[in-house]
Amino acid sequence: MKFKDIFDREIRLSTGVWEHILETHPELNGKSDRIKETLISPEIIKRSVYASNVLLFYKYYKDLYQGKYICVAVKISDEDCFISTSYITGRIKKGEIVWKKD
């Protein structure tokens, strides 16, 4: 699958990574549209404290478990941008804010 992010970069999601996401986070099954929404219309983007080339896109969904975020982790390089994982979380991780919705 391929998506665009808020900066109009093409973001790739390989079949293998999607299968891994669904194995470890089965609650995301059928929610690829939410991943797309999170990339194109995030509320906040943070830089991972573990890898400076990984950005964490967060979007809040009030209908997910009485209100949770979807986080999409994207590895960014000059050659390629791809999703490394995605999950549902109740909080935004620490780290440098790269972009924030007004």
N, C-alpha and C. Protein backbone atom coordinates (compact mmCIF):
# COMPACT_ATOMS: atom_id res chain seq x y z
N MET A 1 0.85 -1.18 0.00
CA MET A 1 0.00 0.00 0.00
C MET A 1 0.89 1.23 0.00
N LYS A 2 0.35 2.29 -0.57
CA LYS A 2 1.05 3.57 -0.56
C LYS A 2 0.10 4.65 -0.10
N PHE A 3 0.64 5.55 0.70
CA PHE A 3 -0.12 6.67 1.24
C PHE A 3 0.66 7.94 1.01
N LYS A 4 0.01 9.07 1.22
CA LYS A 4 0.69 10.37 1.25
C LYS A 4 0.62 10.89 2.67
N ASP A 5 1.65 11.64 3.08
CA ASP A 5 1.58 12.26 4.39
C ASP A 5 1.24 13.74 4.25
N ILE A 6 1.17 14.43 5.35
CA ILE A 6 0.80 15.84 5.36
C ILE A 6 1.78 16.70 4.57
N PHE A 7 3.03 16.22 4.39
CA PHE A 7 4.05 16.95 3.64
C PHE A 7 4.12 16.51 2.18
N ASP A 8 3.13 15.72 1.74
CA ASP A 8 3.01 15.21 0.37
C ASP A 8 4.12 14.22 -0.01
N ARG A 9 4.71 13.58 1.00
CA ARG A 9 5.67 12.51 0.72
C ARG A 9 4.91 11.21 0.51
N GLU A 10 5.43 10.36 -0.36
CA GLU A 10 4.83 9.04 -0.54
C GLU A 10 5.36 8.13 0.57
N ILE A 11 4.44 7.52 1.29
CA ILE A 11 4.77 6.63 2.41
C ILE A 11 4.34 5.22 2.03
N ARG A 12 5.27 4.30 2.10
CA ARG A 12 5.03 2.92 1.69
C ARG A 12 4.71 2.06 2.92
N LEU A 13 3.78 1.14 2.74
CA LEU A 13 3.47 0.14 3.75
C LEU A 13 3.54 -1.22 3.07
N SER A 14 4.61 -1.96 3.38
CA SER A 14 4.79 -3.26 2.73
C SER A 14 3.81 -4.28 3.29
N THR A 15 3.55 -5.31 2.51
CA THR A 15 2.65 -6.38 2.94
C THR A 15 3.19 -7.05 4.20
N GLY A 16 4.50 -7.27 4.24
CA GLY A 16 5.11 -7.92 5.41
C GLY A 16 4.94 -7.10 6.68
N VAL A 17 5.14 -5.81 6.59
CA VAL A 17 4.97 -4.94 7.77
C VAL A 17 3.50 -4.89 8.17
N TRP A 18 2.58 -4.79 7.21
CA TRP A 18 1.16 -4.78 7.53
C TRP A 18 0.76 -6.07 8.23
N GLU A 19 1.25 -7.20 7.74
CA GLU A 19 0.95 -8.48 8.39
C GLU A 19 1.49 -8.51 9.82
N HIS A 20 2.70 -7.97 10.02
CA HIS A 20 3.29 -7.91 11.36
C HIS A 20 2.46 -7.01 12.28
N ILE A 21 2.02 -5.86 11.76
CA ILE A 21 1.18 -4.95 12.55
C ILE A 21 -0.09 -5.68 12.98
N LEU A 22 -0.72 -6.39 12.07
CA LEU A 22 -1.97 -7.09 12.40
C LEU A 22 -1.74 -8.24 13.37
N GLU A 23 -0.57 -8.88 13.31
CA GLU A 23 -0.25 -9.95 14.27
C GLU A 23 -0.08 -9.38 15.67
N THR A 24 0.63 -8.26 15.78
CA THR A 24 0.93 -7.70 17.10
C THR A 24 -0.15 -6.73 17.59
N HIS A 25 -0.91 -6.16 16.68
CA HIS A 25 -1.97 -5.20 17.03
C HIS A 25 -3.24 -5.52 16.23
N PRO A 26 -3.88 -6.66 16.52
CA PRO A 26 -5.04 -7.08 15.71
C PRO A 26 -6.19 -6.09 15.76
N GLU A 27 -6.20 -5.19 16.73
CA GLU A 27 -7.27 -4.18 16.81
C GLU A 27 -7.22 -3.21 15.64
N LEU A 28 -6.12 -3.20 14.87
CA LEU A 28 -6.02 -2.34 13.68
C LEU A 28 -6.55 -3.01 12.41
N ASN A 29 -6.99 -4.24 12.52
CA ASN A 29 -7.54 -4.94 11.35
C ASN A 29 -8.74 -4.14 10.82
N GLY A 30 -8.72 -3.86 9.53
CA GLY A 30 -9.79 -3.10 8.90
C GLY A 30 -9.69 -1.60 9.10
N LYS A 31 -8.55 -1.14 9.63
CA LYS A 31 -8.40 0.28 9.92
C LYS A 31 -7.29 0.93 9.09
N SER A 32 -7.00 0.41 7.92
CA SER A 32 -5.98 1.04 7.08
C SER A 32 -6.41 2.45 6.67
N ASP A 33 -7.73 2.68 6.60
CA ASP A 33 -8.21 4.03 6.31
C ASP A 33 -7.84 5.01 7.43
N ARG A 34 -7.80 4.54 8.66
CA ARG A 34 -7.41 5.38 9.80
C ARG A 34 -5.91 5.68 9.75
N ILE A 35 -5.13 4.73 9.28
CA ILE A 35 -3.69 4.97 9.11
C ILE A 35 -3.49 6.06 8.07
N LYS A 36 -4.22 5.95 6.98
CA LYS A 36 -4.15 6.97 5.92
C LYS A 36 -4.53 8.34 6.47
N GLU A 37 -5.63 8.41 7.22
CA GLU A 37 -6.07 9.67 7.82
C GLU A 37 -5.03 10.24 8.77
N THR A 38 -4.41 9.37 9.56
CA THR A 38 -3.40 9.81 10.53
C THR A 38 -2.21 10.43 9.83
N LEU A 39 -1.80 9.87 8.69
CA LEU A 39 -0.66 10.41 7.95
C LEU A 39 -0.98 11.73 7.27
N ILE A 40 -2.17 11.86 6.72
CA ILE A 40 -2.51 13.06 5.95
C ILE A 40 -3.04 14.19 6.85
N SER A 41 -3.57 13.83 8.01
CA SER A 41 -4.19 14.83 8.87
C SER A 41 -3.90 14.56 10.35
N PRO A 42 -2.62 14.53 10.72
CA PRO A 42 -2.27 14.24 12.12
C PRO A 42 -2.57 15.43 13.02
N GLU A 43 -2.62 15.17 14.32
CA GLU A 43 -2.75 16.26 15.29
C GLU A 43 -1.37 16.72 15.74
N ILE A 44 -0.45 15.78 15.79
CA ILE A 44 0.91 16.10 16.19
C ILE A 44 1.86 15.07 15.58
N ILE A 45 3.06 15.51 15.27
CA ILE A 45 4.12 14.62 14.79
C ILE A 45 5.32 14.82 15.70
N LYS A 46 5.84 13.72 16.26
CA LYS A 46 6.99 13.77 17.15
C LYS A 46 8.14 13.00 16.51
N ARG A 47 9.36 13.37 16.86
CA ARG A 47 10.54 12.61 16.44
C ARG A 47 10.78 11.55 17.51
N SER A 48 11.03 10.34 17.09
CA SER A 48 11.30 9.25 18.03
C SER A 48 12.57 9.56 18.83
N VAL A 49 12.52 9.28 20.12
CA VAL A 49 13.72 9.47 20.95
C VAL A 49 14.73 8.35 20.71
N TYR A 50 14.31 7.28 20.05
CA TYR A 50 15.19 6.13 19.80
C TYR A 50 15.87 6.19 18.45
N ALA A 51 15.23 6.84 17.47
CA ALA A 51 15.81 6.91 16.12
C ALA A 51 15.41 8.26 15.52
N SER A 52 16.38 9.10 15.25
CA SER A 52 16.09 10.47 14.80
C SER A 52 15.43 10.50 13.42
N ASN A 53 15.54 9.42 12.65
CA ASN A 53 14.93 9.38 11.33
C ASN A 53 13.54 8.73 11.34
N VAL A 54 12.97 8.55 12.52
CA VAL A 54 11.61 7.99 12.64
C VAL A 54 10.69 9.07 13.20
N LEU A 55 9.60 9.31 12.48
CA LEU A 55 8.59 10.26 12.92
C LEU A 55 7.35 9.50 13.37
N LEU A 56 6.75 9.99 14.45
CA LEU A 56 5.55 9.38 15.01
C LEU A 56 4.36 10.32 14.75
N PHE A 57 3.45 9.86 13.92
CA PHE A 57 2.25 10.62 13.56
C PHE A 57 1.12 10.18 14.49
N TYR A 58 0.45 11.14 15.13
CA TYR A 58 -0.64 10.83 16.05
C TYR A 58 -1.92 11.52 15.61
N LYS A 59 -3.01 10.77 15.71
CA LYS A 59 -4.35 11.34 15.48
C LYS A 59 -5.30 10.72 16.50
N TYR A 60 -6.11 11.57 17.11
CA TYR A 60 -7.06 11.14 18.13
C TYR A 60 -8.38 10.72 17.49
N TYR A 61 -8.90 9.58 17.95
CA TYR A 61 -10.20 9.08 17.49
C TYR A 61 -11.06 8.82 18.72
N LYS A 62 -12.13 9.61 18.88
CA LYS A 62 -12.97 9.46 20.07
C LYS A 62 -13.75 8.15 20.08
N ASP A 63 -13.90 7.50 18.91
CA ASP A 63 -14.66 6.25 18.86
C ASP A 63 -13.79 5.01 19.08
N LEU A 64 -12.50 5.17 19.28
CA LEU A 64 -11.62 4.02 19.56
C LEU A 64 -11.49 3.85 21.07
N TYR A 65 -12.10 2.82 21.61
CA TYR A 65 -11.98 2.50 23.04
C TYR A 65 -12.23 3.73 23.92
N GLN A 66 -13.31 4.42 23.69
CA GLN A 66 -13.69 5.63 24.43
C GLN A 66 -12.65 6.74 24.32
N GLY A 67 -11.88 6.75 23.24
CA GLY A 67 -10.94 7.83 22.97
C GLY A 67 -9.49 7.43 23.07
N LYS A 68 -8.88 7.16 21.92
CA LYS A 68 -7.46 6.78 21.86
C LYS A 68 -6.84 7.40 20.61
N TYR A 69 -5.51 7.39 20.58
CA TYR A 69 -4.76 7.84 19.42
C TYR A 69 -4.35 6.64 18.57
N ILE A 70 -4.27 6.87 17.28
CA ILE A 70 -3.54 5.94 16.42
C ILE A 70 -2.18 6.59 16.20
N CYS A 71 -1.15 5.81 16.41
CA CYS A 71 0.22 6.26 16.14
C CYS A 71 0.73 5.49 14.93
N VAL A 72 1.32 6.21 13.99
CA VAL A 72 1.94 5.59 12.83
C VAL A 72 3.42 6.02 12.84
N ALA A 73 4.31 5.04 12.94
CA ALA A 73 5.75 5.31 12.94
C ALA A 73 6.27 5.18 11.51
N VAL A 74 6.92 6.25 11.03
CA VAL A 74 7.41 6.30 9.65
C VAL A 74 8.91 6.55 9.66
N LYS A 75 9.64 5.66 9.00
CA LYS A 75 11.08 5.84 8.84
C LYS A 75 11.30 6.69 7.59
N ILE A 76 12.03 7.78 7.76
CA ILE A 76 12.24 8.76 6.70
C ILE A 76 13.69 8.72 6.23
N SER A 77 13.88 8.60 4.92
CA SER A 77 15.22 8.73 4.34
C SER A 77 15.08 9.42 2.99
N ASP A 78 16.20 9.82 2.41
CA ASP A 78 16.16 10.47 1.10
C ASP A 78 15.64 9.53 0.03
N GLU A 79 15.90 8.23 0.18
CA GLU A 79 15.54 7.25 -0.84
C GLU A 79 14.12 6.70 -0.68
N ASP A 80 13.64 6.64 0.58
CA ASP A 80 12.41 5.92 0.83
C ASP A 80 11.79 6.40 2.14
N CYS A 81 10.48 6.36 2.22
CA CYS A 81 9.75 6.62 3.46
C CYS A 81 8.77 5.47 3.63
N PHE A 82 8.84 4.82 4.78
CA PHE A 82 7.95 3.67 4.96
C PHE A 82 7.49 3.54 6.40
N ILE A 83 6.31 2.95 6.55
CA ILE A 83 5.75 2.69 7.87
C ILE A 83 6.48 1.50 8.48
N SER A 84 6.95 1.69 9.72
CA SER A 84 7.62 0.58 10.41
C SER A 84 6.68 -0.10 11.39
N THR A 85 5.70 0.65 11.93
CA THR A 85 4.68 0.06 12.78
C THR A 85 3.54 1.04 12.97
N SER A 86 2.46 0.55 13.53
CA SER A 86 1.33 1.40 13.89
C SER A 86 0.61 0.71 15.05
N TYR A 87 0.03 1.53 15.92
CA TYR A 87 -0.65 0.96 17.08
C TYR A 87 -1.62 1.99 17.66
N ILE A 88 -2.50 1.51 18.54
CA ILE A 88 -3.44 2.37 19.26
C ILE A 88 -2.85 2.63 20.64
N THR A 89 -2.92 3.88 21.08
CA THR A 89 -2.34 4.25 22.36
C THR A 89 -3.18 5.31 23.05
N GLY A 90 -3.05 5.38 24.35
CA GLY A 90 -3.75 6.39 25.11
C GLY A 90 -2.96 7.66 25.33
N ARG A 91 -1.68 7.65 24.96
CA ARG A 91 -0.87 8.84 25.20
C ARG A 91 0.15 9.06 24.09
N ILE A 92 0.60 10.29 24.00
CA ILE A 92 1.63 10.67 23.03
C ILE A 92 2.98 10.54 23.71
N LYS A 93 3.92 9.91 23.03
CA LYS A 93 5.25 9.70 23.60
C LYS A 93 6.03 11.01 23.71
N LYS A 94 7.05 10.98 24.56
CA LYS A 94 7.94 12.13 24.69
C LYS A 94 8.79 12.24 23.43
N GLY A 95 9.33 13.42 23.22
CA GLY A 95 10.18 13.63 22.07
C GLY A 95 9.97 15.01 21.47
N GLU A 96 10.84 15.35 20.56
CA GLU A 96 10.78 16.64 19.89
C GLU A 96 9.53 16.74 19.02
N ILE A 97 8.83 17.85 19.14
CA ILE A 97 7.67 18.09 18.28
C ILE A 97 8.19 18.57 16.92
N VAL A 98 7.82 17.84 15.88
CA VAL A 98 8.22 18.20 14.51
C VAL A 98 7.16 19.09 13.87
N TRP A 99 5.90 18.78 14.15
CA TRP A 99 4.77 19.52 13.60
C TRP A 99 3.59 19.38 14.54
N LYS A 100 2.79 20.44 14.67
CA LYS A 100 1.61 20.38 15.51
C LYS A 100 0.47 21.15 14.84
N LYS A 101 -0.71 20.57 14.88
CA LYS A 101 -1.90 21.21 14.33
C LYS A 101 -2.23 22.45 15.14
N ASP A 102 -2.62 23.50 14.46
CA ASP A 102 -2.98 24.75 15.16
C ASP A 102 -4.28 24.61 15.91
